[in-house]
Amino acid sequence: MNRSLLTEKGNQDILLRQIVTIADLNAFKENILSEIKTILDAKSGQFTKKWLKSYQVEELLGVSANTLLSWRNNGDIPYSQMGGIIYYDPADIENRLVKNKKVITRR
């Protein structure tokens, strides 16, 4: 290769001028799409739902640990438990908020 077209930066030769063709761009696009598909396929079977822990629900709703415990014991709020950690589905928290929504009517 003609050294006048190259410059050195550290231990790397950097090409100063290079022609990029439409075929090069299409090949690059196909490469990127293939990589994205590989990543998505690898993640497709993975668990993606974000469950909330008790302290997060307490913060979100502004309630105490005792209130949350009372709701669990009364069956007011569904939960899952693994080991000593209790998890809540964000959709269930939202449903609880909607259920307790108050509508004010003016006369």
PDB file of N, CA and C in Angstrom:
ATOM      1  N   MET A   1       0.847  -1.173   0.000  1.00  0.00           N
ATOM      2  CA  MET A   1       0.000   0.000   0.000  1.00  0.00           C
ATOM      3  C   MET A   1       0.889   1.231   0.000  1.00  0.00           C
ATOM      4  N   ASN A   2       0.438   2.251  -0.607  1.00  0.00           N
ATOM      5  CA  ASN A   2       1.167   3.513  -0.697  1.00  0.00           C
ATOM      6  C   ASN A   2       1.236   4.153   0.684  1.00  0.00           C
ATOM      7  N   ARG A   3       2.467   4.317   1.214  1.00  0.00           N
ATOM      8  CA  ARG A   3       2.646   4.841   2.569  1.00  0.00           C
ATOM      9  C   ARG A   3       2.211   6.303   2.684  1.00  0.00           C
ATOM     10  N   SER A   4       2.126   7.008   1.558  1.00  0.00           N
ATOM     11  CA  SER A   4       1.710   8.408   1.624  1.00  0.00           C
ATOM     12  C   SER A   4       0.237   8.538   2.015  1.00  0.00           C
ATOM     13  N   LEU A   5      -0.516   7.455   1.855  1.00  0.00           N
ATOM     14  CA  LEU A   5      -1.922   7.483   2.232  1.00  0.00           C
ATOM     15  C   LEU A   5      -2.134   7.094   3.694  1.00  0.00           C
ATOM     16  N   LEU A   6      -1.052   6.667   4.368  1.00  0.00           N
ATOM     17  CA  LEU A   6      -1.159   6.223   5.752  1.00  0.00           C
ATOM     18  C   LEU A   6      -0.450   7.210   6.674  1.00  0.00           C
ATOM     19  N   THR A   7      -0.966   7.339   7.854  1.00  0.00           N
ATOM     20  CA  THR A   7      -0.280   8.087   8.896  1.00  0.00           C
ATOM     21  C   THR A   7      -0.219   7.192  10.118  1.00  0.00           C
ATOM     22  N   GLU A   8       0.795   7.356  10.929  1.00  0.00           N
ATOM     23  CA  GLU A   8       0.929   6.510  12.110  1.00  0.00           C
ATOM     24  C   GLU A   8       0.450   7.244  13.339  1.00  0.00           C
ATOM     25  N   LYS A   9      -0.324   6.534  14.142  1.00  0.00           N
ATOM     26  CA  LYS A   9      -0.769   7.062  15.423  1.00  0.00           C
ATOM     27  C   LYS A   9      -0.512   5.954  16.433  1.00  0.00           C
ATOM     28  N   GLY A  10       0.477   6.162  17.254  1.00  0.00           N
ATOM     29  CA  GLY A  10       0.884   5.095  18.158  1.00  0.00           C
ATOM     30  C   GLY A  10       1.413   3.944  17.337  1.00  0.00           C
ATOM     31  N   ASN A  11       0.886   2.763  17.577  1.00  0.00           N
ATOM     32  CA  ASN A  11       1.290   1.577  16.827  1.00  0.00           C
ATOM     33  C   ASN A  11       0.330   1.262  15.692  1.00  0.00           C
ATOM     34  N   GLN A  12      -0.644   2.152  15.439  1.00  0.00           N
ATOM     35  CA  GLN A  12      -1.649   1.873  14.426  1.00  0.00           C
ATOM     36  C   GLN A  12      -1.431   2.740  13.192  1.00  0.00           C
ATOM     37  N   ASP A  13      -1.640   2.159  12.042  1.00  0.00           N
ATOM     38  CA  ASP A  13      -1.654   2.914  10.798  1.00  0.00           C
ATOM     39  C   ASP A  13      -3.089   3.332  10.536  1.00  0.00           C
ATOM     40  N   ILE A  14      -3.305   4.596  10.267  1.00  0.00           N
ATOM     41  CA  ILE A  14      -4.644   5.094   9.981  1.00  0.00           C
ATOM     42  C   ILE A  14      -4.685   5.529   8.532  1.00  0.00           C
ATOM     43  N   LEU A  15      -5.635   5.023   7.797  1.00  0.00           N
ATOM     44  CA  LEU A  15      -5.803   5.365   6.401  1.00  0.00           C
ATOM     45  C   LEU A  15      -6.409   6.750   6.303  1.00  0.00           C
ATOM     46  N   LEU A  16      -5.740   7.642   5.581  1.00  0.00           N
ATOM     47  CA  LEU A  16      -6.215   9.015   5.471  1.00  0.00           C
ATOM     48  C   LEU A  16      -7.362   9.148   4.485  1.00  0.00           C
ATOM     49  N   ARG A  17      -7.297   8.408   3.401  1.00  0.00           N
ATOM     50  CA  ARG A  17      -8.357   8.472   2.398  1.00  0.00           C
ATOM     51  C   ARG A  17      -8.789   7.058   2.050  1.00  0.00           C
ATOM     52  N   GLN A  18     -10.077   6.856   2.049  1.00  0.00           N
ATOM     53  CA  GLN A  18     -10.599   5.541   1.695  1.00  0.00           C
ATOM     54  C   GLN A  18     -11.959   5.740   1.053  1.00  0.00           C
ATOM     55  N   ILE A  19     -12.186   5.045  -0.029  1.00  0.00           N
ATOM     56  CA  ILE A  19     -13.469   5.129  -0.716  1.00  0.00           C
ATOM     57  C   ILE A  19     -14.395   4.067  -0.140  1.00  0.00           C
ATOM     58  N   VAL A  20     -15.592   4.510   0.251  1.00  0.00           N
ATOM     59  CA  VAL A  20     -16.603   3.603   0.769  1.00  0.00           C
ATOM     60  C   VAL A  20     -17.706   3.526  -0.275  1.00  0.00           C
ATOM     61  N   THR A  21     -17.978   2.314  -0.699  1.00  0.00           N
ATOM     62  CA  THR A  21     -18.991   2.138  -1.744  1.00  0.00           C
ATOM     63  C   THR A  21     -20.340   1.803  -1.126  1.00  0.00           C
ATOM     64  N   ILE A  22     -21.375   1.868  -1.941  1.00  0.00           N
ATOM     65  CA  ILE A  22     -22.718   1.480  -1.495  1.00  0.00           C
ATOM     66  C   ILE A  22     -22.716   0.014  -1.091  1.00  0.00           C
ATOM     67  N   ALA A  23     -21.984  -0.807  -1.806  1.00  0.00           N
ATOM     68  CA  ALA A  23     -21.889  -2.235  -1.461  1.00  0.00           C
ATOM     69  C   ALA A  23     -21.249  -2.395  -0.078  1.00  0.00           C
ATOM     70  N   ASP A  24     -20.231  -1.573   0.226  1.00  0.00           N
ATOM     71  CA  ASP A  24     -19.608  -1.609   1.552  1.00  0.00           C
ATOM     72  C   ASP A  24     -20.627  -1.248   2.631  1.00  0.00           C
ATOM     73  N   LEU A  25     -21.415  -0.201   2.377  1.00  0.00           N
ATOM     74  CA  LEU A  25     -22.420   0.232   3.342  1.00  0.00           C
ATOM     75  C   LEU A  25     -23.498  -0.828   3.537  1.00  0.00           C
ATOM     76  N   ASN A  26     -23.919  -1.456   2.453  1.00  0.00           N
ATOM     77  CA  ASN A  26     -24.919  -2.524   2.558  1.00  0.00           C
ATOM     78  C   ASN A  26     -24.377  -3.709   3.346  1.00  0.00           C
ATOM     79  N   ALA A  27     -23.130  -4.066   3.113  1.00  0.00           N
ATOM     80  CA  ALA A  27     -22.508  -5.167   3.853  1.00  0.00           C
ATOM     81  C   ALA A  27     -22.419  -4.812   5.339  1.00  0.00           C
ATOM     82  N   PHE A  28     -22.066  -3.564   5.628  1.00  0.00           N
ATOM     83  CA  PHE A  28     -21.987  -3.089   7.003  1.00  0.00           C
ATOM     84  C   PHE A  28     -23.354  -3.160   7.677  1.00  0.00           C
ATOM     85  N   LYS A  29     -24.384  -2.713   6.948  1.00  0.00           N
ATOM     86  CA  LYS A  29     -25.763  -2.751   7.464  1.00  0.00           C
ATOM     87  C   LYS A  29     -26.166  -4.183   7.784  1.00  0.00           C
ATOM     88  N   GLU A  30     -25.900  -5.104   6.870  1.00  0.00           N
ATOM     89  CA  GLU A  30     -26.249  -6.511   7.083  1.00  0.00           C
ATOM     90  C   GLU A  30     -25.523  -7.083   8.294  1.00  0.00           C
ATOM     91  N   ASN A  31     -24.278  -6.684   8.466  1.00  0.00           N
ATOM     92  CA  ASN A  31     -23.492  -7.122   9.622  1.00  0.00           C
ATOM     93  C   ASN A  31     -24.129  -6.653  10.918  1.00  0.00           C
ATOM     94  N   ILE A  32     -24.497  -5.387  10.960  1.00  0.00           N
ATOM     95  CA  ILE A  32     -25.108  -4.822  12.162  1.00  0.00           C
ATOM     96  C   ILE A  32     -26.453  -5.493  12.449  1.00  0.00           C
ATOM     97  N   LEU A  33     -27.286  -5.645  11.430  1.00  0.00           N
ATOM     98  CA  LEU A  33     -28.587  -6.292  11.616  1.00  0.00           C
ATOM     99  C   LEU A  33     -28.427  -7.729  12.110  1.00  0.00           C
ATOM    100  N   SER A  34     -27.443  -8.418  11.583  1.00  0.00           N
ATOM    101  CA  SER A  34     -27.186  -9.788  12.009  1.00  0.00           C
ATOM    102  C   SER A  34     -26.776  -9.834  13.479  1.00  0.00           C
ATOM    103  N   GLU A  35     -25.930  -8.897  13.889  1.00  0.00           N
ATOM    104  CA  GLU A  35     -25.504  -8.831  15.293  1.00  0.00           C
ATOM    105  C   GLU A  35     -26.689  -8.514  16.206  1.00  0.00           C
ATOM    106  N   ILE A  36     -27.530  -7.579  15.813  1.00  0.00           N
ATOM    107  CA  ILE A  36     -28.706  -7.215  16.611  1.00  0.00           C
ATOM    108  C   ILE A  36     -29.645  -8.407  16.733  1.00  0.00           C
ATOM    109  N   LYS A  37     -29.866  -9.121  15.628  1.00  0.00           N
ATOM    110  CA  LYS A  37     -30.732 -10.302  15.659  1.00  0.00           C
ATOM    111  C   LYS A  37     -30.166 -11.359  16.604  1.00  0.00           C
ATOM    112  N   THR A  38     -28.866 -11.553  16.587  1.00  0.00           N
ATOM    113  CA  THR A  38     -28.228 -12.523  17.477  1.00  0.00           C
ATOM    114  C   THR A  38     -28.451 -12.141  18.935  1.00  0.00           C
ATOM    115  N   ILE A  39     -28.301 -10.864  19.252  1.00  0.00           N
ATOM    116  CA  ILE A  39     -28.495 -10.389  20.620  1.00  0.00           C
ATOM    117  C   ILE A  39     -29.950 -10.559  21.043  1.00  0.00           C
ATOM    118  N   LEU A  40     -30.892 -10.178  20.174  1.00  0.00           N
ATOM    119  CA  LEU A  40     -32.316 -10.300  20.503  1.00  0.00           C
ATOM    120  C   LEU A  40     -32.727 -11.755  20.669  1.00  0.00           C
ATOM    121  N   ASP A  41     -32.206 -12.635  19.816  1.00  0.00           N
ATOM    122  CA  ASP A  41     -32.524 -14.055  19.926  1.00  0.00           C
ATOM    123  C   ASP A  41     -32.015 -14.624  21.247  1.00  0.00           C
ATOM    124  N   ALA A  42     -30.849 -14.179  21.672  1.00  0.00           N
ATOM    125  CA  ALA A  42     -30.274 -14.665  22.925  1.00  0.00           C
ATOM    126  C   ALA A  42     -31.102 -14.206  24.117  1.00  0.00           C
ATOM    127  N   LYS A  43     -31.710 -13.037  24.025  1.00  0.00           N
ATOM    128  CA  LYS A  43     -32.488 -12.493  25.137  1.00  0.00           C
ATOM    129  C   LYS A  43     -33.960 -12.891  25.089  1.00  0.00           C
ATOM    130  N   SER A  44     -34.419 -13.469  23.996  1.00  0.00           N
ATOM    131  CA  SER A  44     -35.853 -13.723  23.829  1.00  0.00           C
ATOM    132  C   SER A  44     -36.431 -14.647  24.880  1.00  0.00           C
ATOM    133  N   GLY A  45     -35.670 -15.584  25.386  1.00  0.00           N
ATOM    134  CA  GLY A  45     -36.186 -16.514  26.376  1.00  0.00           C
ATOM    135  C   GLY A  45     -35.936 -16.071  27.802  1.00  0.00           C
ATOM    136  N   GLN A  46     -35.305 -14.913  27.977  1.00  0.00           N
ATOM    137  CA  GLN A  46     -34.953 -14.469  29.312  1.00  0.00           C
ATOM    138  C   GLN A  46     -36.094 -13.738  29.995  1.00  0.00           C
ATOM    139  N   PHE A  47     -36.083 -13.800  31.285  1.00  0.00           N
ATOM    140  CA  PHE A  47     -37.070 -13.133  32.120  1.00  0.00           C
ATOM    141  C   PHE A  47     -36.790 -11.637  32.091  1.00  0.00           C
ATOM    142  N   THR A  48     -37.779 -10.837  31.698  1.00  0.00           N
ATOM    143  CA  THR A  48     -37.532  -9.410  31.558  1.00  0.00           C
ATOM    144  C   THR A  48     -38.377  -8.546  32.491  1.00  0.00           C
ATOM    145  N   LYS A  49     -39.334  -9.122  33.185  1.00  0.00           N
ATOM    146  CA  LYS A  49     -40.213  -8.334  34.035  1.00  0.00           C
ATOM    147  C   LYS A  49     -39.449  -7.850  35.266  1.00  0.00           C
ATOM    148  N   LYS A  50     -39.650  -6.600  35.605  1.00  0.00           N
ATOM    149  CA  LYS A  50     -39.005  -6.000  36.767  1.00  0.00           C
ATOM    150  C   LYS A  50     -39.959  -6.054  37.943  1.00  0.00           C
ATOM    151  N   TRP A  51     -39.662  -6.888  38.910  1.00  0.00           N
ATOM    152  CA  TRP A  51     -40.467  -6.990  40.119  1.00  0.00           C
ATOM    153  C   TRP A  51     -39.924  -6.020  41.155  1.00  0.00           C
ATOM    154  N   LEU A  52     -40.796  -5.567  42.042  1.00  0.00           N
ATOM    155  CA  LEU A  52     -40.402  -4.625  43.082  1.00  0.00           C
ATOM    156  C   LEU A  52     -40.243  -5.349  44.418  1.00  0.00           C
ATOM    157  N   LYS A  53     -39.276  -4.890  45.202  1.00  0.00           N
ATOM    158  CA  LYS A  53     -39.091  -5.422  46.549  1.00  0.00           C
ATOM    159  C   LYS A  53     -39.922  -4.576  47.511  1.00  0.00           C
ATOM    160  N   SER A  54     -40.089  -5.077  48.727  1.00  0.00           N
ATOM    161  CA  SER A  54     -40.932  -4.395  49.714  1.00  0.00           C
ATOM    162  C   SER A  54     -40.527  -2.950  49.936  1.00  0.00           C
ATOM    163  N   TYR A  55     -39.233  -2.705  50.127  1.00  0.00           N
ATOM    164  CA  TYR A  55     -38.800  -1.332  50.410  1.00  0.00           C
ATOM    165  C   TYR A  55     -39.130  -0.389  49.251  1.00  0.00           C
ATOM    166  N   GLN A  56     -39.114  -0.913  48.018  1.00  0.00           N
ATOM    167  CA  GLN A  56     -39.437  -0.089  46.859  1.00  0.00           C
ATOM    168  C   GLN A  56     -40.924   0.263  46.841  1.00  0.00           C
ATOM    169  N   VAL A  57     -41.763  -0.702  47.202  1.00  0.00           N
ATOM    170  CA  VAL A  57     -43.213  -0.454  47.243  1.00  0.00           C
ATOM    171  C   VAL A  57     -43.534   0.526  48.374  1.00  0.00           C
ATOM    172  N   GLU A  58     -42.873   0.362  49.508  1.00  0.00           N
ATOM    173  CA  GLU A  58     -43.078   1.278  50.633  1.00  0.00           C
ATOM    174  C   GLU A  58     -42.741   2.716  50.218  1.00  0.00           C
ATOM    175  N   GLU A  59     -41.595   2.870  49.529  1.00  0.00           N
ATOM    176  CA  GLU A  59     -41.185   4.200  49.047  1.00  0.00           C
ATOM    177  C   GLU A  59     -42.165   4.746  48.022  1.00  0.00           C
ATOM    178  N   LEU A  60     -42.542   3.901  47.082  1.00  0.00           N
ATOM    179  CA  LEU A  60     -43.422   4.308  45.991  1.00  0.00           C
ATOM    180  C   LEU A  60     -44.775   4.792  46.502  1.00  0.00           C
ATOM    181  N   LEU A  61     -45.330   4.059  47.454  1.00  0.00           N
ATOM    182  CA  LEU A  61     -46.661   4.382  47.951  1.00  0.00           C
ATOM    183  C   LEU A  61     -46.639   5.252  49.210  1.00  0.00           C
ATOM    184  N   GLY A  62     -45.461   5.426  49.788  1.00  0.00           N
ATOM    185  CA  GLY A  62     -45.362   6.223  51.004  1.00  0.00           C
ATOM    186  C   GLY A  62     -46.031   5.563  52.191  1.00  0.00           C
ATOM    187  N   VAL A  63     -45.893   4.242  52.296  1.00  0.00           N
ATOM    188  CA  VAL A  63     -46.494   3.495  53.406  1.00  0.00           C
ATOM    189  C   VAL A  63     -45.393   2.829  54.222  1.00  0.00           C
ATOM    190  N   SER A  64     -45.747   2.429  55.417  1.00  0.00           N
ATOM    191  CA  SER A  64     -44.777   1.775  56.301  1.00  0.00           C
ATOM    192  C   SER A  64     -44.701   0.279  55.978  1.00  0.00           C
ATOM    193  N   ALA A  65     -43.680  -0.351  56.534  1.00  0.00           N
ATOM    194  CA  ALA A  65     -43.535  -1.798  56.373  1.00  0.00           C
ATOM    195  C   ALA A  65     -44.713  -2.521  57.004  1.00  0.00           C
ATOM    196  N   ASN A  66     -45.227  -1.980  58.113  1.00  0.00           N
ATOM    197  CA  ASN A  66     -46.386  -2.607  58.780  1.00  0.00           C
ATOM    198  C   ASN A  66     -47.643  -2.530  57.920  1.00  0.00           C
ATOM    199  N   THR A  67     -47.836  -1.405  57.229  1.00  0.00           N
ATOM    200  CA  THR A  67     -48.996  -1.270  56.346  1.00  0.00           C
ATOM    201  C   THR A  67     -48.915  -2.286  55.217  1.00  0.00           C
ATOM    202  N   LEU A  68     -47.734  -2.407  54.630  1.00  0.00           N
ATOM    203  CA  LEU A  68     -47.543  -3.366  53.532  1.00  0.00           C
ATOM    204  C   LEU A  68     -47.771  -4.790  54.035  1.00  0.00           C
ATOM    205  N   LEU A  69     -47.275  -5.095  55.222  1.00  0.00           N
ATOM    206  CA  LEU A  69     -47.490  -6.410  55.828  1.00  0.00           C
ATOM    207  C   LEU A  69     -48.978  -6.660  56.043  1.00  0.00           C
ATOM    208  N   SER A  70     -49.688  -5.650  56.515  1.00  0.00           N
ATOM    209  CA  SER A  70     -51.132  -5.769  56.731  1.00  0.00           C
ATOM    210  C   SER A  70     -51.850  -6.047  55.413  1.00  0.00           C
ATOM    211  N   TRP A  71     -51.472  -5.328  54.355  1.00  0.00           N
ATOM    212  CA  TRP A  71     -52.086  -5.557  53.037  1.00  0.00           C
ATOM    213  C   TRP A  71     -51.840  -6.977  52.556  1.00  0.00           C
ATOM    214  N   ARG A  72     -50.622  -7.488  52.775  1.00  0.00           N
ATOM    215  CA  ARG A  72     -50.312  -8.868  52.364  1.00  0.00           C
ATOM    216  C   ARG A  72     -51.163  -9.850  53.161  1.00  0.00           C
ATOM    217  N   ASN A  73     -51.195  -9.656  54.463  1.00  0.00           N
ATOM    218  CA  ASN A  73     -51.937 -10.582  55.338  1.00  0.00           C
ATOM    219  C   ASN A  73     -53.433 -10.576  55.052  1.00  0.00           C
ATOM    220  N   ASN A  74     -53.969  -9.415  54.669  1.00  0.00           N
ATOM    221  CA  ASN A  74     -55.406  -9.300  54.366  1.00  0.00           C
ATOM    222  C   ASN A  74     -55.728  -9.716  52.930  1.00  0.00           C
ATOM    223  N   GLY A  75     -54.717 -10.025  52.144  1.00  0.00           N
ATOM    224  CA  GLY A  75     -54.942 -10.396  50.750  1.00  0.00           C
ATOM    225  C   GLY A  75     -55.252  -9.205  49.860  1.00  0.00           C
ATOM    226  N   ASP A  76     -54.917  -8.004  50.335  1.00  0.00           N
ATOM    227  CA  ASP A  76     -55.193  -6.795  49.552  1.00  0.00           C
ATOM    228  C   ASP A  76     -54.201  -6.591  48.412  1.00  0.00           C
ATOM    229  N   ILE A  77     -53.044  -7.180  48.542  1.00  0.00           N
ATOM    230  CA  ILE A  77     -52.010  -6.972  47.518  1.00  0.00           C
ATOM    231  C   ILE A  77     -51.284  -8.295  47.275  1.00  0.00           C
ATOM    232  N   PRO A  78     -51.273  -8.766  46.029  1.00  0.00           N
ATOM    233  CA  PRO A  78     -50.596 -10.029  45.725  1.00  0.00           C
ATOM    234  C   PRO A  78     -49.076  -9.872  45.812  1.00  0.00           C
ATOM    235  N   TYR A  79     -48.399 -10.966  46.115  1.00  0.00           N
ATOM    236  CA  TYR A  79     -46.940 -10.936  46.194  1.00  0.00           C
ATOM    237  C   TYR A  79     -46.389 -12.330  45.931  1.00  0.00           C
ATOM    238  N   SER A  80     -45.098 -12.362  45.691  1.00  0.00           N
ATOM    239  CA  SER A  80     -44.387 -13.632  45.553  1.00  0.00           C
ATOM    240  C   SER A  80     -43.219 -13.599  46.520  1.00  0.00           C
ATOM    241  N   GLN A  81     -42.836 -14.760  46.994  1.00  0.00           N
ATOM    242  CA  GLN A  81     -41.724 -14.809  47.928  1.00  0.00           C
ATOM    243  C   GLN A  81     -40.742 -15.884  47.512  1.00  0.00           C
ATOM    244  N   MET A  82     -39.487 -15.513  47.510  1.00  0.00           N
ATOM    245  CA  MET A  82     -38.408 -16.470  47.256  1.00  0.00           C
ATOM    246  C   MET A  82     -37.393 -16.274  48.366  1.00  0.00           C
ATOM    247  N   GLY A  83     -37.187 -17.329  49.141  1.00  0.00           N
ATOM    248  CA  GLY A  83     -36.322 -17.183  50.307  1.00  0.00           C
ATOM    249  C   GLY A  83     -36.974 -16.191  51.247  1.00  0.00           C
ATOM    250  N   GLY A  84     -36.214 -15.241  51.726  1.00  0.00           N
ATOM    251  CA  GLY A  84     -36.760 -14.241  52.628  1.00  0.00           C
ATOM    252  C   GLY A  84     -37.149 -12.950  51.941  1.00  0.00           C
ATOM    253  N   ILE A  85     -37.111 -12.930  50.616  1.00  0.00           N
ATOM    254  CA  ILE A  85     -37.395 -11.697  49.878  1.00  0.00           C
ATOM    255  C   ILE A  85     -38.787 -11.765  49.276  1.00  0.00           C
ATOM    256  N   ILE A  86     -39.541 -10.694  49.489  1.00  0.00           N
ATOM    257  CA  ILE A  86     -40.903 -10.605  48.967  1.00  0.00           C
ATOM    258  C   ILE A  86     -40.887  -9.676  47.760  1.00  0.00           C
ATOM    259  N   TYR A  87     -41.533 -10.112  46.683  1.00  0.00           N
ATOM    260  CA  TYR A  87     -41.575  -9.355  45.429  1.00  0.00           C
ATOM    261  C   TYR A  87     -43.015  -9.020  45.076  1.00  0.00           C
ATOM    262  N   TYR A  88     -43.167  -7.859  44.431  1.00  0.00           N
ATOM    263  CA  TYR A  88     -44.487  -7.395  44.009  1.00  0.00           C
ATOM    264  C   TYR A  88     -44.457  -7.089  42.520  1.00  0.00           C
ATOM    265  N   ASP A  89     -45.524  -7.452  41.844  1.00  0.00           N
ATOM    266  CA  ASP A  89     -45.679  -7.135  40.433  1.00  0.00           C
ATOM    267  C   ASP A  89     -46.112  -5.673  40.326  1.00  0.00           C
ATOM    268  N   PRO A  90     -45.381  -4.846  39.565  1.00  0.00           N
ATOM    269  CA  PRO A  90     -45.767  -3.440  39.422  1.00  0.00           C
ATOM    270  C   PRO A  90     -47.208  -3.251  38.940  1.00  0.00           C
ATOM    271  N   ALA A  91     -47.712  -4.171  38.116  1.00  0.00           N
ATOM    272  CA  ALA A  91     -49.097  -4.077  37.630  1.00  0.00           C
ATOM    273  C   ALA A  91     -50.083  -4.225  38.791  1.00  0.00           C
ATOM    274  N   ASP A  92     -49.752  -5.074  39.768  1.00  0.00           N
ATOM    275  CA  ASP A  92     -50.626  -5.235  40.935  1.00  0.00           C
ATOM    276  C   ASP A  92     -50.643  -3.974  41.784  1.00  0.00           C
ATOM    277  N   ILE A  93     -49.498  -3.309  41.880  1.00  0.00           N
ATOM    278  CA  ILE A  93     -49.425  -2.051  42.638  1.00  0.00           C
ATOM    279  C   ILE A  93     -50.288  -1.000  41.949  1.00  0.00           C
ATOM    280  N   GLU A  94     -50.175  -0.926  40.638  1.00  0.00           N
ATOM    281  CA  GLU A  94     -50.986   0.036  39.884  1.00  0.00           C
ATOM    282  C   GLU A  94     -52.477  -0.273  40.041  1.00  0.00           C
ATOM    283  N   ASN A  95     -52.838  -1.546  39.983  1.00  0.00           N
ATOM    284  CA  ASN A  95     -54.245  -1.939  40.162  1.00  0.00           C
ATOM    285  C   ASN A  95     -54.767  -1.513  41.533  1.00  0.00           C
ATOM    286  N   ARG A  96     -53.916  -1.642  42.547  1.00  0.00           N
ATOM    287  CA  ARG A  96     -54.316  -1.228  43.904  1.00  0.00           C
ATOM    288  C   ARG A  96     -54.583   0.278  43.929  1.00  0.00           C
ATOM    289  N   LEU A  97     -53.727   1.042  43.259  1.00  0.00           N
ATOM    290  CA  LEU A  97     -53.916   2.495  43.208  1.00  0.00           C
ATOM    291  C   LEU A  97     -55.208   2.850  42.481  1.00  0.00           C
ATOM    292  N   VAL A  98     -55.471   2.182  41.374  1.00  0.00           N
ATOM    293  CA  VAL A  98     -56.683   2.456  40.593  1.00  0.00           C
ATOM    294  C   VAL A  98     -57.915   2.083  41.406  1.00  0.00           C
ATOM    295  N   LYS A  99     -57.845   0.958  42.094  1.00  0.00           N
ATOM    296  CA  LYS A  99     -58.980   0.485  42.910  1.00  0.00           C
ATOM    297  C   LYS A  99     -59.314   1.490  44.010  1.00  0.00           C
ATOM    298  N   ASN A 100     -58.300   2.139  44.561  1.00  0.00           N
ATOM    299  CA  ASN A 100     -58.512   3.081  45.661  1.00  0.00           C
ATOM    300  C   ASN A 100     -58.664   4.523  45.194  1.00  0.00           C
ATOM    301  N   LYS A 101     -58.764   4.716  43.899  1.00  0.00           N
ATOM    302  CA  LYS A 101     -58.886   6.058  43.350  1.00  0.00           C
ATOM    303  C   LYS A 101     -60.219   6.671  43.756  1.00  0.00           C
ATOM    304  N   LYS A 102     -60.150   7.886  44.212  1.00  0.00           N
ATOM    305  CA  LYS A 102     -61.354   8.601  44.641  1.00  0.00           C
ATOM    306  C   LYS A 102     -61.700   9.638  43.584  1.00  0.00           C
ATOM    307  N   VAL A 103     -62.948   9.695  43.228  1.00  0.00           N
ATOM    308  CA  VAL A 103     -63.422  10.688  42.254  1.00  0.00           C
ATOM    309  C   VAL A 103     -64.242  11.709  43.013  1.00  0.00           C
ATOM    310  N   ILE A 104     -63.895  12.966  42.843  1.00  0.00           N
ATOM    311  CA  ILE A 104     -64.609  14.039  43.530  1.00  0.00           C
ATOM    312  C   ILE A 104     -65.605  14.656  42.551  1.00  0.00           C
ATOM    313  N   THR A 105     -66.841  14.689  42.990  1.00  0.00           N
ATOM    314  CA  THR A 105     -67.864  15.314  42.145  1.00  0.00           C
ATOM    315  C   THR A 105     -68.316  16.602  42.824  1.00  0.00           C
ATOM    316  N   ARG A 106     -68.457  17.618  42.024  1.00  0.00           N
ATOM    317  CA  ARG A 106     -68.893  18.916  42.541  1.00  0.00           C
ATOM    318  C   ARG A 106     -70.346  19.124  42.176  1.00  0.00           C
ATOM    319  N   ARG A 107     -71.078  19.733  43.074  1.00  0.00           N
ATOM    320  CA  ARG A 107     -72.491  19.981  42.830  1.00  0.00           C
ATOM    321  C   ARG A 107     -72.734  21.423  42.506  1.00  0.00           C
TER     322      ARG A 107
END
